[in-house]
Amino acid sequence: MTGGQKRENIKYGLDVGVVLKEDQGTGRLTYGKVQKILTNSPTHPHGIKVRLNTGEVGRVKEIL
């Protein structure tokens, strides 16, 4: 399942796969639960930016 470009699809506590800033070159996904939604706009072409419960920040590429 994808849909990481629309803010309405992202909810707190949701399991997601994100690309961290340092992994943008490789596209490696990091998985975790959404702690905070950082993007204010309703959509973003590269994915909505979130903070995971681990403290890591990345853009949502897939919703699990």
PDB file of N, CA and C in Angstrom:
ATOM      1  N   MET A   1       0.842  -1.182   0.000  1.00  0.00           N
ATOM      2  CA  MET A   1       0.000   0.000   0.000  1.00  0.00           C
ATOM      3  C   MET A   1       0.890   1.249   0.000  1.00  0.00           C
ATOM      4  N   THR A   2       0.560   2.209  -0.816  1.00  0.00           N
ATOM      5  CA  THR A   2       1.319   3.465  -0.819  1.00  0.00           C
ATOM      6  C   THR A   2       0.404   4.575  -0.327  1.00  0.00           C
ATOM      7  N   GLY A   3       0.526   5.769  -0.843  1.00  0.00           N
ATOM      8  CA  GLY A   3      -0.337   6.867  -0.415  1.00  0.00           C
ATOM      9  C   GLY A   3       0.356   7.835   0.519  1.00  0.00           C
ATOM     10  N   GLY A   4       1.683   7.794   0.559  1.00  0.00           N
ATOM     11  CA  GLY A   4       2.438   8.663   1.452  1.00  0.00           C
ATOM     12  C   GLY A   4       2.520  10.111   1.011  1.00  0.00           C
ATOM     13  N   GLN A   5       1.932  10.453  -0.145  1.00  0.00           N
ATOM     14  CA  GLN A   5       1.982  11.836  -0.621  1.00  0.00           C
ATOM     15  C   GLN A   5       0.822  12.678  -0.082  1.00  0.00           C
ATOM     16  N   LYS A   6      -0.189  12.043   0.490  1.00  0.00           N
ATOM     17  CA  LYS A   6      -1.357  12.782   0.991  1.00  0.00           C
ATOM     18  C   LYS A   6      -1.379  12.759   2.511  1.00  0.00           C
ATOM     19  N   ARG A   7      -1.476  13.959   3.093  1.00  0.00           N
ATOM     20  CA  ARG A   7      -1.464  14.091   4.547  1.00  0.00           C
ATOM     21  C   ARG A   7      -2.664  13.375   5.179  1.00  0.00           C
ATOM     22  N   GLU A   8      -3.797  13.384   4.484  1.00  0.00           N
ATOM     23  CA  GLU A   8      -5.015  12.758   5.034  1.00  0.00           C
ATOM     24  C   GLU A   8      -4.854  11.258   5.247  1.00  0.00           C
ATOM     25  N   ASN A   9      -3.901  10.623   4.553  1.00  0.00           N
ATOM     26  CA  ASN A   9      -3.680   9.181   4.696  1.00  0.00           C
ATOM     27  C   ASN A   9      -2.802   8.825   5.895  1.00  0.00           C
ATOM     28  N   ILE A  10      -2.139   9.829   6.471  1.00  0.00           N
ATOM     29  CA  ILE A  10      -1.187   9.588   7.554  1.00  0.00           C
ATOM     30  C   ILE A  10      -1.866   9.866   8.895  1.00  0.00           C
ATOM     31  N   LYS A  11      -1.798   8.895   9.792  1.00  0.00           N
ATOM     32  CA  LYS A  11      -2.394   9.041  11.122  1.00  0.00           C
ATOM     33  C   LYS A  11      -1.342   8.711  12.180  1.00  0.00           C
ATOM     34  N   TYR A  12      -1.507   9.280  13.370  1.00  0.00           N
ATOM     35  CA  TYR A  12      -0.596   8.980  14.469  1.00  0.00           C
ATOM     36  C   TYR A  12      -0.675   7.491  14.826  1.00  0.00           C
ATOM     37  N   GLY A  13       0.485   6.888  15.077  1.00  0.00           N
ATOM     38  CA  GLY A  13       0.531   5.481  15.453  1.00  0.00           C
ATOM     39  C   GLY A  13       0.526   4.518  14.277  1.00  0.00           C
ATOM     40  N   LEU A  14       0.412   5.045  13.057  1.00  0.00           N
ATOM     41  CA  LEU A  14       0.376   4.216  11.856  1.00  0.00           C
ATOM     42  C   LEU A  14       1.756   3.628  11.567  1.00  0.00           C
ATOM     43  N   ASP A  15       1.820   2.374  11.135  1.00  0.00           N
ATOM     44  CA  ASP A  15       3.087   1.766  10.716  1.00  0.00           C
ATOM     45  C   ASP A  15       3.403   2.208   9.297  1.00  0.00           C
ATOM     46  N   VAL A  16       4.579   2.804   9.112  1.00  0.00           N
ATOM     47  CA  VAL A  16       4.966   3.337   7.802  1.00  0.00           C
ATOM     48  C   VAL A  16       6.423   3.000   7.491  1.00  0.00           C
ATOM     49  N   GLY A  17       6.755   3.111   6.206  1.00  0.00           N
ATOM     50  CA  GLY A  17       8.135   3.032   5.742  1.00  0.00           C
ATOM     51  C   GLY A  17       8.531   4.403   5.244  1.00  0.00           C
ATOM     52  N   VAL A  18       9.625   4.957   5.777  1.00  0.00           N
ATOM     53  CA  VAL A  18      10.076   6.292   5.387  1.00  0.00           C
ATOM     54  C   VAL A  18      11.487   6.230   4.826  1.00  0.00           C
ATOM     55  N   VAL A  19      11.826   7.232   4.018  1.00  0.00           N
ATOM     56  CA  VAL A  19      13.205   7.419   3.567  1.00  0.00           C
ATOM     57  C   VAL A  19      13.786   8.564   4.389  1.00  0.00           C
ATOM     58  N   LEU A  20      14.843   8.270   5.135  1.00  0.00           N
ATOM     59  CA  LEU A  20      15.511   9.286   5.931  1.00  0.00           C
ATOM     60  C   LEU A  20      16.354  10.170   5.018  1.00  0.00           C
ATOM     61  N   LYS A  21      16.697  11.373   5.486  1.00  0.00           N
ATOM     62  CA  LYS A  21      17.488  12.321   4.704  1.00  0.00           C
ATOM     63  C   LYS A  21      18.778  11.670   4.199  1.00  0.00           C
ATOM     64  N   GLU A  22      19.471  10.949   5.069  1.00  0.00           N
ATOM     65  CA  GLU A  22      20.752  10.346   4.683  1.00  0.00           C
ATOM     66  C   GLU A  22      20.582   9.166   3.728  1.00  0.00           C
ATOM     67  N   ASP A  23      19.366   8.649   3.585  1.00  0.00           N
ATOM     68  CA  ASP A  23      19.114   7.509   2.707  1.00  0.00           C
ATOM     69  C   ASP A  23      18.460   7.920   1.382  1.00  0.00           C
ATOM     70  N   GLN A  24      18.320   9.220   1.115  1.00  0.00           N
ATOM     71  CA  GLN A  24      17.647   9.659  -0.105  1.00  0.00           C
ATOM     72  C   GLN A  24      18.366   9.172  -1.366  1.00  0.00           C
ATOM     73  N   GLY A  25      19.679   9.058  -1.299  1.00  0.00           N
ATOM     74  CA  GLY A  25      20.433   8.578  -2.462  1.00  0.00           C
ATOM     75  C   GLY A  25      20.156   7.121  -2.785  1.00  0.00           C
ATOM     76  N   THR A  26      19.971   6.306  -1.755  1.00  0.00           N
ATOM     77  CA  THR A  26      19.760   4.871  -1.954  1.00  0.00           C
ATOM     78  C   THR A  26      18.290   4.503  -1.962  1.00  0.00           C
ATOM     79  N   GLY A  27      17.441   5.330  -1.317  1.00  0.00           N
ATOM     80  CA  GLY A  27      16.014   5.012  -1.223  1.00  0.00           C
ATOM     81  C   GLY A  27      15.703   3.949  -0.180  1.00  0.00           C
ATOM     82  N   ARG A  28      16.683   3.662   0.705  1.00  0.00           N
ATOM     83  CA  ARG A  28      16.484   2.641   1.743  1.00  0.00           C
ATOM     84  C   ARG A  28      15.379   3.066   2.698  1.00  0.00           C
ATOM     85  N   LEU A  29      14.458   2.144   2.976  1.00  0.00           N
ATOM     86  CA  LEU A  29      13.326   2.440   3.855  1.00  0.00           C
ATOM     87  C   LEU A  29      13.644   2.095   5.303  1.00  0.00           C
ATOM     88  N   THR A  30      13.138   2.929   6.194  1.00  0.00           N
ATOM     89  CA  THR A  30      13.203   2.693   7.635  1.00  0.00           C
ATOM     90  C   THR A  30      11.761   2.594   8.109  1.00  0.00           C
ATOM     91  N   TYR A  31      11.479   1.592   8.934  1.00  0.00           N
ATOM     92  CA  TYR A  31      10.101   1.343   9.350  1.00  0.00           C
ATOM     93  C   TYR A  31       9.880   1.742  10.805  1.00  0.00           C
ATOM     94  N   GLY A  32       8.676   2.224  11.078  1.00  0.00           N
ATOM     95  CA  GLY A  32       8.323   2.601  12.445  1.00  0.00           C
ATOM     96  C   GLY A  32       6.906   3.140  12.505  1.00  0.00           C
ATOM     97  N   LYS A  33       6.539   3.618  13.683  1.00  0.00           N
ATOM     98  CA  LYS A  33       5.206   4.196  13.901  1.00  0.00           C
ATOM     99  C   LYS A  33       5.304   5.716  13.881  1.00  0.00           C
ATOM    100  N   VAL A  34       4.261   6.354  13.306  1.00  0.00           N
ATOM    101  CA  VAL A  34       4.226   7.812  13.223  1.00  0.00           C
ATOM    102  C   VAL A  34       4.000   8.393  14.618  1.00  0.00           C
ATOM    103  N   GLN A  35       4.944   9.258  15.039  1.00  0.00           N
ATOM    104  CA  GLN A  35       4.791   9.965  16.308  1.00  0.00           C
ATOM    105  C   GLN A  35       4.233  11.364  16.066  1.00  0.00           C
ATOM    106  N   LYS A  36       4.713  12.015  14.984  1.00  0.00           N
ATOM    107  CA  LYS A  36       4.274  13.373  14.689  1.00  0.00           C
ATOM    108  C   LYS A  36       4.311  13.593  13.182  1.00  0.00           C
ATOM    109  N   ILE A  37       3.323  14.321  12.661  1.00  0.00           N
ATOM    110  CA  ILE A  37       3.283  14.691  11.246  1.00  0.00           C
ATOM    111  C   ILE A  37       3.896  16.084  11.127  1.00  0.00           C
ATOM    112  N   LEU A  38       4.957  16.211  10.320  1.00  0.00           N
ATOM    113  CA  LEU A  38       5.694  17.469  10.242  1.00  0.00           C
ATOM    114  C   LEU A  38       5.319  18.325   9.038  1.00  0.00           C
ATOM    115  N   THR A  39       4.759  17.727   7.982  1.00  0.00           N
ATOM    116  CA  THR A  39       4.347  18.488   6.801  1.00  0.00           C
ATOM    117  C   THR A  39       2.971  19.096   7.049  1.00  0.00           C
ATOM    118  N   ASN A  40       2.850  20.409   6.812  1.00  0.00           N
ATOM    119  CA  ASN A  40       1.568  21.081   7.029  1.00  0.00           C
ATOM    120  C   ASN A  40       0.672  21.077   5.800  1.00  0.00           C
ATOM    121  N   SER A  41       1.268  21.047   4.602  1.00  0.00           N
ATOM    122  CA  SER A  41       0.459  21.098   3.382  1.00  0.00           C
ATOM    123  C   SER A  41      -0.278  19.773   3.178  1.00  0.00           C
ATOM    124  N   PRO A  42      -1.423  19.788   2.465  1.00  0.00           N
ATOM    125  CA  PRO A  42      -2.221  18.562   2.297  1.00  0.00           C
ATOM    126  C   PRO A  42      -1.538  17.485   1.466  1.00  0.00           C
ATOM    127  N   THR A  43      -0.623  17.880   0.561  1.00  0.00           N
ATOM    128  CA  THR A  43       0.112  16.887  -0.245  1.00  0.00           C
ATOM    129  C   THR A  43       1.564  17.315  -0.380  1.00  0.00           C
ATOM    130  N   HIS A  44       2.424  16.347  -0.719  1.00  0.00           N
ATOM    131  CA  HIS A  44       3.821  16.628  -1.030  1.00  0.00           C
ATOM    132  C   HIS A  44       4.289  15.565  -2.019  1.00  0.00           C
ATOM    133  N   PRO A  45       4.908  15.987  -3.139  1.00  0.00           N
ATOM    134  CA  PRO A  45       5.277  15.017  -4.185  1.00  0.00           C
ATOM    135  C   PRO A  45       6.289  13.959  -3.740  1.00  0.00           C
ATOM    136  N   HIS A  46       7.113  14.251  -2.731  1.00  0.00           N
ATOM    137  CA  HIS A  46       8.121  13.283  -2.276  1.00  0.00           C
ATOM    138  C   HIS A  46       7.687  12.520  -1.037  1.00  0.00           C
ATOM    139  N   GLY A  47       6.483  12.789  -0.562  1.00  0.00           N
ATOM    140  CA  GLY A  47       5.983  12.109   0.635  1.00  0.00           C
ATOM    141  C   GLY A  47       5.871  13.064   1.805  1.00  0.00           C
ATOM    142  N   ILE A  48       4.916  12.792   2.665  1.00  0.00           N
ATOM    143  CA  ILE A  48       4.687  13.614   3.851  1.00  0.00           C
ATOM    144  C   ILE A  48       5.804  13.352   4.858  1.00  0.00           C
ATOM    145  N   LYS A  49       6.377  14.422   5.423  1.00  0.00           N
ATOM    146  CA  LYS A  49       7.466  14.273   6.385  1.00  0.00           C
ATOM    147  C   LYS A  49       6.886  13.996   7.764  1.00  0.00           C
ATOM    148  N   VAL A  50       7.409  12.952   8.421  1.00  0.00           N
ATOM    149  CA  VAL A  50       6.947  12.553   9.748  1.00  0.00           C
ATOM    150  C   VAL A  50       8.131  12.266  10.666  1.00  0.00           C
ATOM    151  N   ARG A  51       7.855  12.320  11.968  1.00  0.00           N
ATOM    152  CA  ARG A  51       8.818  11.850  12.965  1.00  0.00           C
ATOM    153  C   ARG A  51       8.312  10.506  13.461  1.00  0.00           C
ATOM    154  N   LEU A  52       9.187   9.513  13.455  1.00  0.00           N
ATOM    155  CA  LEU A  52       8.831   8.187  13.960  1.00  0.00           C
ATOM    156  C   LEU A  52       8.978   8.163  15.475  1.00  0.00           C
ATOM    157  N   ASN A  53       8.429   7.131  16.110  1.00  0.00           N
ATOM    158  CA  ASN A  53       8.529   7.020  17.567  1.00  0.00           C
ATOM    159  C   ASN A  53       9.969   6.802  18.028  1.00  0.00           C
ATOM    160  N   THR A  54      10.874   6.515  17.095  1.00  0.00           N
ATOM    161  CA  THR A  54      12.309   6.379  17.414  1.00  0.00           C
ATOM    162  C   THR A  54      13.007   7.734  17.395  1.00  0.00           C
ATOM    163  N   GLY A  55      12.300   8.781  16.940  1.00  0.00           N
ATOM    164  CA  GLY A  55      12.893  10.107  16.835  1.00  0.00           C
ATOM    165  C   GLY A  55      13.427  10.412  15.441  1.00  0.00           C
ATOM    166  N   GLU A  56      13.461   9.412  14.565  1.00  0.00           N
ATOM    167  CA  GLU A  56      13.971   9.607  13.218  1.00  0.00           C
ATOM    168  C   GLU A  56      12.930  10.362  12.375  1.00  0.00           C
ATOM    169  N   VAL A  57      13.420  11.199  11.456  1.00  0.00           N
ATOM    170  CA  VAL A  57      12.550  12.002  10.606  1.00  0.00           C
ATOM    171  C   VAL A  57      12.780  11.593   9.161  1.00  0.00           C
ATOM    172  N   GLY A  58      11.666  11.368   8.430  1.00  0.00           N
ATOM    173  CA  GLY A  58      11.772  11.006   7.017  1.00  0.00           C
ATOM    174  C   GLY A  58      10.453  11.223   6.303  1.00  0.00           C
ATOM    175  N   ARG A  59      10.486  10.978   4.990  1.00  0.00           N
ATOM    176  CA  ARG A  59       9.292  11.138   4.175  1.00  0.00           C
ATOM    177  C   ARG A  59       8.641   9.777   3.939  1.00  0.00           C
ATOM    178  N   VAL A  60       7.325   9.722   4.096  1.00  0.00           N
ATOM    179  CA  VAL A  60       6.576   8.458   3.985  1.00  0.00           C
ATOM    180  C   VAL A  60       6.574   7.980   2.533  1.00  0.00           C
ATOM    181  N   LYS A  61       7.052   6.759   2.330  1.00  0.00           N
ATOM    182  CA  LYS A  61       7.030   6.135   1.007  1.00  0.00           C
ATOM    183  C   LYS A  61       6.007   5.013   0.932  1.00  0.00           C
ATOM    184  N   GLU A  62       5.733   4.371   2.060  1.00  0.00           N
ATOM    185  CA  GLU A  62       4.676   3.350   2.058  1.00  0.00           C
ATOM    186  C   GLU A  62       3.990   3.284   3.412  1.00  0.00           C
ATOM    187  N   ILE A  63       2.700   2.960   3.334  1.00  0.00           N
ATOM    188  CA  ILE A  63       1.892   2.766   4.541  1.00  0.00           C
ATOM    189  C   ILE A  63       1.635   1.274   4.655  1.00  0.00           C
ATOM    190  N   LEU A  64       1.935   0.719   5.819  1.00  0.00           N
ATOM    191  CA  LEU A  64       1.813  -0.734   5.984  1.00  0.00           C
ATOM    192  C   LEU A  64       0.444  -1.135   6.512  1.00  0.00           C
TER     193      LEU A  64
END
